[in-house]
PDB file of N, CA and C in Angstrom:
ATOM      1  N   MET A   1     -74.295 -36.777  16.329  1.00  0.00           N
ATOM      2  CA  MET A   1     -75.005 -35.511  16.352  1.00  0.00           C
ATOM      3  C   MET A   1     -75.124 -35.040  17.798  1.00  0.00           C
ATOM      4  N   LEU A   2     -74.774 -33.797  18.037  1.00  0.00           N
ATOM      5  CA  LEU A   2     -74.854 -33.257  19.385  1.00  0.00           C
ATOM      6  C   LEU A   2     -76.305 -33.008  19.771  1.00  0.00           C
ATOM      7  N   THR A   3     -76.555 -33.124  21.048  1.00  0.00           N
ATOM      8  CA  THR A   3     -77.922 -32.933  21.505  1.00  0.00           C
ATOM      9  C   THR A   3     -78.330 -31.467  21.421  1.00  0.00           C
ATOM     10  N   LYS A   4     -79.619 -31.265  21.347  1.00  0.00           N
ATOM     11  CA  LYS A   4     -80.161 -29.907  21.294  1.00  0.00           C
ATOM     12  C   LYS A   4     -79.778 -29.138  22.560  1.00  0.00           C
ATOM     13  N   ARG A   5     -79.809 -29.807  23.700  1.00  0.00           N
ATOM     14  CA  ARG A   5     -79.471 -29.150  24.975  1.00  0.00           C
ATOM     15  C   ARG A   5     -78.022 -28.669  24.970  1.00  0.00           C
ATOM     16  N   TYR A   6     -77.115 -29.476  24.448  1.00  0.00           N
ATOM     17  CA  TYR A   6     -75.707 -29.077  24.374  1.00  0.00           C
ATOM     18  C   TYR A   6     -75.560 -27.822  23.520  1.00  0.00           C
ATOM     19  N   LEU A   7     -76.201 -27.816  22.376  1.00  0.00           N
ATOM     20  CA  LEU A   7     -76.112 -26.661  21.489  1.00  0.00           C
ATOM     21  C   LEU A   7     -76.713 -25.414  22.135  1.00  0.00           C
ATOM     22  N   GLU A   8     -77.789 -25.584  22.893  1.00  0.00           N
ATOM     23  CA  GLU A   8     -78.387 -24.450  23.608  1.00  0.00           C
ATOM     24  C   GLU A   8     -77.419 -23.892  24.647  1.00  0.00           C
ATOM     25  N   LEU A   9     -76.753 -24.772  25.371  1.00  0.00           N
ATOM     26  CA  LEU A   9     -75.793 -24.332  26.379  1.00  0.00           C
ATOM     27  C   LEU A   9     -74.626 -23.583  25.748  1.00  0.00           C
ATOM     28  N   MET A  10     -74.126 -24.087  24.636  1.00  0.00           N
ATOM     29  CA  MET A  10     -73.022 -23.413  23.959  1.00  0.00           C
ATOM     30  C   MET A  10     -73.461 -22.062  23.405  1.00  0.00           C
ATOM     31  N   ASP A  11     -74.684 -21.978  22.924  1.00  0.00           N
ATOM     32  CA  ASP A  11     -75.211 -20.712  22.425  1.00  0.00           C
ATOM     33  C   ASP A  11     -75.311 -19.695  23.562  1.00  0.00           C
ATOM     34  N   LYS A  12     -75.792 -20.142  24.723  1.00  0.00           N
ATOM     35  CA  LYS A  12     -75.875 -19.248  25.879  1.00  0.00           C
ATOM     36  C   LYS A  12     -74.487 -18.791  26.313  1.00  0.00           C
ATOM     37  N   ALA A  13     -73.518 -19.682  26.260  1.00  0.00           N
ATOM     38  CA  ALA A  13     -72.146 -19.303  26.609  1.00  0.00           C
ATOM     39  C   ALA A  13     -71.636 -18.230  25.650  1.00  0.00           C
ATOM     40  N   ASN A  14     -71.899 -18.400  24.376  1.00  0.00           N
ATOM     41  CA  ASN A  14     -71.447 -17.419  23.388  1.00  0.00           C
ATOM     42  C   ASN A  14     -72.114 -16.066  23.562  1.00  0.00           C
ATOM     43  N   GLN A  15     -73.307 -16.050  24.124  1.00  0.00           N
ATOM     44  CA  GLN A  15     -74.035 -14.802  24.328  1.00  0.00           C
ATOM     45  C   GLN A  15     -73.750 -14.171  25.691  1.00  0.00           C
ATOM     46  N   ALA A  16     -72.980 -14.837  26.517  1.00  0.00           N
ATOM     47  CA  ALA A  16     -72.711 -14.343  27.868  1.00  0.00           C
ATOM     48  C   ALA A  16     -72.003 -12.995  27.825  1.00  0.00           C
ATOM     49  N   SER A  17     -72.376 -12.145  28.766  1.00  0.00           N
ATOM     50  CA  SER A  17     -71.786 -10.807  28.810  1.00  0.00           C
ATOM     51  C   SER A  17     -70.600 -10.726  29.765  1.00  0.00           C
ATOM     52  N   ASP A  18     -70.342 -11.794  30.510  1.00  0.00           N
ATOM     53  CA  ASP A  18     -69.197 -11.791  31.417  1.00  0.00           C
ATOM     54  C   ASP A  18     -68.590 -13.197  31.490  1.00  0.00           C
ATOM     55  N   ARG A  19     -67.378 -13.249  31.980  1.00  0.00           N
ATOM     56  CA  ARG A  19     -66.638 -14.513  32.026  1.00  0.00           C
ATOM     57  C   ARG A  19     -67.286 -15.542  32.946  1.00  0.00           C
ATOM     58  N   GLN A  20     -67.815 -15.080  34.070  1.00  0.00           N
ATOM     59  CA  GLN A  20     -68.417 -16.012  35.023  1.00  0.00           C
ATOM     60  C   GLN A  20     -69.592 -16.743  34.389  1.00  0.00           C
ATOM     61  N   THR A  21     -70.446 -16.018  33.694  1.00  0.00           N
ATOM     62  CA  THR A  21     -71.597 -16.630  33.028  1.00  0.00           C
ATOM     63  C   THR A  21     -71.137 -17.541  31.901  1.00  0.00           C
ATOM     64  N   TYR A  22     -70.137 -17.091  31.142  1.00  0.00           N
ATOM     65  CA  TYR A  22     -69.599 -17.887  30.040  1.00  0.00           C
ATOM     66  C   TYR A  22     -69.126 -19.250  30.550  1.00  0.00           C
ATOM     67  N   PHE A  23     -68.295 -19.233  31.587  1.00  0.00           N
ATOM     68  CA  PHE A  23     -67.753 -20.490  32.094  1.00  0.00           C
ATOM     69  C   PHE A  23     -68.818 -21.338  32.783  1.00  0.00           C
ATOM     70  N   PHE A  24     -69.855 -20.724  33.338  1.00  0.00           N
ATOM     71  CA  PHE A  24     -70.966 -21.476  33.914  1.00  0.00           C
ATOM     72  C   PHE A  24     -71.590 -22.371  32.849  1.00  0.00           C
ATOM     73  N   TYR A  25     -71.894 -21.790  31.689  1.00  0.00           N
ATOM     74  CA  TYR A  25     -72.520 -22.568  30.616  1.00  0.00           C
ATOM     75  C   TYR A  25     -71.543 -23.556  29.982  1.00  0.00           C
ATOM     76  N   ILE A  26     -70.285 -23.190  29.877  1.00  0.00           N
ATOM     77  CA  ILE A  26     -69.277 -24.113  29.335  1.00  0.00           C
ATOM     78  C   ILE A  26     -69.159 -25.343  30.232  1.00  0.00           C
ATOM     79  N   ARG A  27     -69.136 -25.146  31.533  1.00  0.00           N
ATOM     80  CA  ARG A  27     -69.049 -26.283  32.469  1.00  0.00           C
ATOM     81  C   ARG A  27     -70.278 -27.174  32.366  1.00  0.00           C
ATOM     82  N   GLN A  28     -71.450 -26.552  32.239  1.00  0.00           N
ATOM     83  CA  GLN A  28     -72.668 -27.360  32.096  1.00  0.00           C
ATOM     84  C   GLN A  28     -72.617 -28.183  30.811  1.00  0.00           C
ATOM     85  N   ALA A  29     -72.162 -27.577  29.728  1.00  0.00           N
ATOM     86  CA  ALA A  29     -72.070 -28.292  28.453  1.00  0.00           C
ATOM     87  C   ALA A  29     -71.051 -29.427  28.546  1.00  0.00           C
ATOM     88  N   GLU A  30     -69.921 -29.169  29.201  1.00  0.00           N
ATOM     89  CA  GLU A  30     -68.898 -30.199  29.360  1.00  0.00           C
ATOM     90  C   GLU A  30     -69.439 -31.372  30.183  1.00  0.00           C
ATOM     91  N   GLN A  31     -70.167 -31.070  31.244  1.00  0.00           N
ATOM     92  CA  GLN A  31     -70.755 -32.123  32.072  1.00  0.00           C
ATOM     93  C   GLN A  31     -71.764 -32.938  31.272  1.00  0.00           C
ATOM     94  N   LEU A  32     -72.548 -32.262  30.461  1.00  0.00           N
ATOM     95  CA  LEU A  32     -73.531 -32.947  29.627  1.00  0.00           C
ATOM     96  C   LEU A  32     -72.845 -33.923  28.672  1.00  0.00           C
ATOM     97  N   LEU A  33     -71.731 -33.511  28.075  1.00  0.00           N
ATOM     98  CA  LEU A  33     -70.992 -34.406  27.181  1.00  0.00           C
ATOM     99  C   LEU A  33     -70.467 -35.629  27.925  1.00  0.00           C
ATOM    100  N   LYS A  34     -69.966 -35.408  29.126  1.00  0.00           N
ATOM    101  CA  LYS A  34     -69.462 -36.538  29.915  1.00  0.00           C
ATOM    102  C   LYS A  34     -70.574 -37.531  30.213  1.00  0.00           C
ATOM    103  N   GLU A  35     -71.759 -36.999  30.527  1.00  0.00           N
ATOM    104  CA  GLU A  35     -72.890 -37.866  30.856  1.00  0.00           C
ATOM    105  C   GLU A  35     -73.411 -38.613  29.636  1.00  0.00           C
ATOM    106  N   GLU A  36     -73.281 -38.014  28.470  1.00  0.00           N
ATOM    107  CA  GLU A  36     -73.830 -38.619  27.255  1.00  0.00           C
ATOM    108  C   GLU A  36     -72.789 -39.427  26.487  1.00  0.00           C
ATOM    109  N   SER A  37     -71.786 -39.910  27.171  1.00  0.00           N
ATOM    110  CA  SER A  37     -70.764 -40.754  26.577  1.00  0.00           C
ATOM    111  C   SER A  37     -69.951 -40.030  25.511  1.00  0.00           C
ATOM    112  N   PRO A  38     -68.922 -39.318  25.933  1.00  0.00           N
ATOM    113  CA  PRO A  38     -68.103 -38.564  24.986  1.00  0.00           C
ATOM    114  C   PRO A  38     -67.409 -39.446  23.947  1.00  0.00           C
ATOM    115  N   GLU A  39     -67.213 -40.732  24.261  1.00  0.00           N
ATOM    116  CA  GLU A  39     -66.585 -41.621  23.285  1.00  0.00           C
ATOM    117  C   GLU A  39     -67.433 -41.717  22.021  1.00  0.00           C
ATOM    118  N   GLU A  40     -68.734 -41.628  22.208  1.00  0.00           N
ATOM    119  CA  GLU A  40     -69.649 -41.716  21.072  1.00  0.00           C
ATOM    120  C   GLU A  40     -69.456 -40.550  20.106  1.00  0.00           C
ATOM    121  N   TYR A  41     -69.146 -39.394  20.661  1.00  0.00           N
ATOM    122  CA  TYR A  41     -68.998 -38.200  19.837  1.00  0.00           C
ATOM    123  C   TYR A  41     -67.545 -37.922  19.466  1.00  0.00           C
ATOM    124  N   GLY A  42     -66.627 -38.574  20.151  1.00  0.00           N
ATOM    125  CA  GLY A  42     -65.216 -38.317  19.892  1.00  0.00           C
ATOM    126  C   GLY A  42     -64.802 -36.925  20.319  1.00  0.00           C
ATOM    127  N   ILE A  43     -65.405 -36.437  21.387  1.00  0.00           N
ATOM    128  CA  ILE A  43     -65.156 -35.067  21.831  1.00  0.00           C
ATOM    129  C   ILE A  43     -64.369 -35.095  23.132  1.00  0.00           C
ATOM    130  N   GLN A  44     -63.350 -34.278  23.186  1.00  0.00           N
ATOM    131  CA  GLN A  44     -62.585 -34.097  24.398  1.00  0.00           C
ATOM    132  C   GLN A  44     -62.775 -32.654  24.856  1.00  0.00           C
ATOM    133  N   PRO A  45     -62.786 -32.408  26.161  1.00  0.00           N
ATOM    134  CA  PRO A  45     -62.936 -31.039  26.641  1.00  0.00           C
ATOM    135  C   PRO A  45     -61.816 -30.148  26.122  1.00  0.00           C
ATOM    136  N   VAL A  46     -62.169 -28.939  25.751  1.00  0.00           N
ATOM    137  CA  VAL A  46     -61.184 -27.984  25.256  1.00  0.00           C
ATOM    138  C   VAL A  46     -60.379 -27.435  26.413  1.00  0.00           C
ATOM    139  N   THR A  47     -61.033 -27.221  27.527  1.00  0.00           N
ATOM    140  CA  THR A  47     -60.351 -26.688  28.697  1.00  0.00           C
ATOM    141  C   THR A  47     -60.471 -27.681  29.833  1.00  0.00           C
ATOM    142  N   SER A  48     -59.489 -27.656  30.695  1.00  0.00           N
ATOM    143  CA  SER A  48     -59.614 -28.426  31.922  1.00  0.00           C
ATOM    144  C   SER A  48     -59.435 -27.432  33.059  1.00  0.00           C
ATOM    145  N   PHE A  49     -60.244 -27.577  34.051  1.00  0.00           N
ATOM    146  CA  PHE A  49     -60.221 -26.640  35.150  1.00  0.00           C
ATOM    147  C   PHE A  49     -59.273 -27.160  36.216  1.00  0.00           C
ATOM    148  N   VAL A  50     -58.312 -26.338  36.573  1.00  0.00           N
ATOM    149  CA  VAL A  50     -57.269 -26.719  37.507  1.00  0.00           C
ATOM    150  C   VAL A  50     -57.550 -26.046  38.840  1.00  0.00           C
ATOM    151  N   SER A  51     -57.465 -26.807  39.888  1.00  0.00           N
ATOM    152  CA  SER A  51     -57.704 -26.237  41.213  1.00  0.00           C
ATOM    153  C   SER A  51     -56.490 -25.422  41.651  1.00  0.00           C
ATOM    154  N   PRO A  52     -56.702 -24.387  42.452  1.00  0.00           N
ATOM    155  CA  PRO A  52     -55.581 -23.568  42.936  1.00  0.00           C
ATOM    156  C   PRO A  52     -54.535 -24.382  43.676  1.00  0.00           C
ATOM    157  N   SER A  53     -54.948 -25.463  44.351  1.00  0.00           N
ATOM    158  CA  SER A  53     -53.976 -26.280  45.079  1.00  0.00           C
ATOM    159  C   SER A  53     -53.000 -26.965  44.128  1.00  0.00           C
ATOM    160  N   SER A  54     -53.411 -27.195  42.891  1.00  0.00           N
ATOM    161  CA  SER A  54     -52.515 -27.802  41.910  1.00  0.00           C
ATOM    162  C   SER A  54     -51.342 -26.885  41.605  1.00  0.00           C
ATOM    163  N   PHE A  55     -51.603 -25.578  41.593  1.00  0.00           N
ATOM    164  CA  PHE A  55     -50.527 -24.625  41.348  1.00  0.00           C
ATOM    165  C   PHE A  55     -49.536 -24.630  42.503  1.00  0.00           C
ATOM    166  N   ALA A  56     -50.045 -24.736  43.724  1.00  0.00           N
ATOM    167  CA  ALA A  56     -49.179 -24.749  44.897  1.00  0.00           C
ATOM    168  C   ALA A  56     -48.301 -25.996  44.894  1.00  0.00           C
ATOM    169  N   ASN A  57     -48.866 -27.125  44.494  1.00  0.00           N
ATOM    170  CA  ASN A  57     -48.104 -28.372  44.455  1.00  0.00           C
ATOM    171  C   ASN A  57     -47.050 -28.356  43.366  1.00  0.00           C
ATOM    172  N   ALA A  58     -47.300 -27.633  42.289  1.00  0.00           N
ATOM    173  CA  ALA A  58     -46.365 -27.583  41.171  1.00  0.00           C
ATOM    174  C   ALA A  58     -45.152 -26.720  41.486  1.00  0.00           C
ATOM    175  N   ALA A  59     -45.302 -25.800  42.398  1.00  0.00           N
ATOM    176  CA  ALA A  59     -44.217 -24.855  42.699  1.00  0.00           C
ATOM    177  C   ALA A  59     -43.151 -25.430  43.557  1.00  0.00           C
TER     178      ALA A  59
END
């Protein structure tokens, strides 16, 4: 069962009026899952954030 805090963060992300706010709450929720042992929930992050330097190295 997901924690109440996680569900609150996801709800705030869904209500966000802009992308910056949306991703702020998504990152907080993702961090919370990592801290609460994601193996227990069987949850993997939907998105992974790639640094701009990774794009430069790939080219």
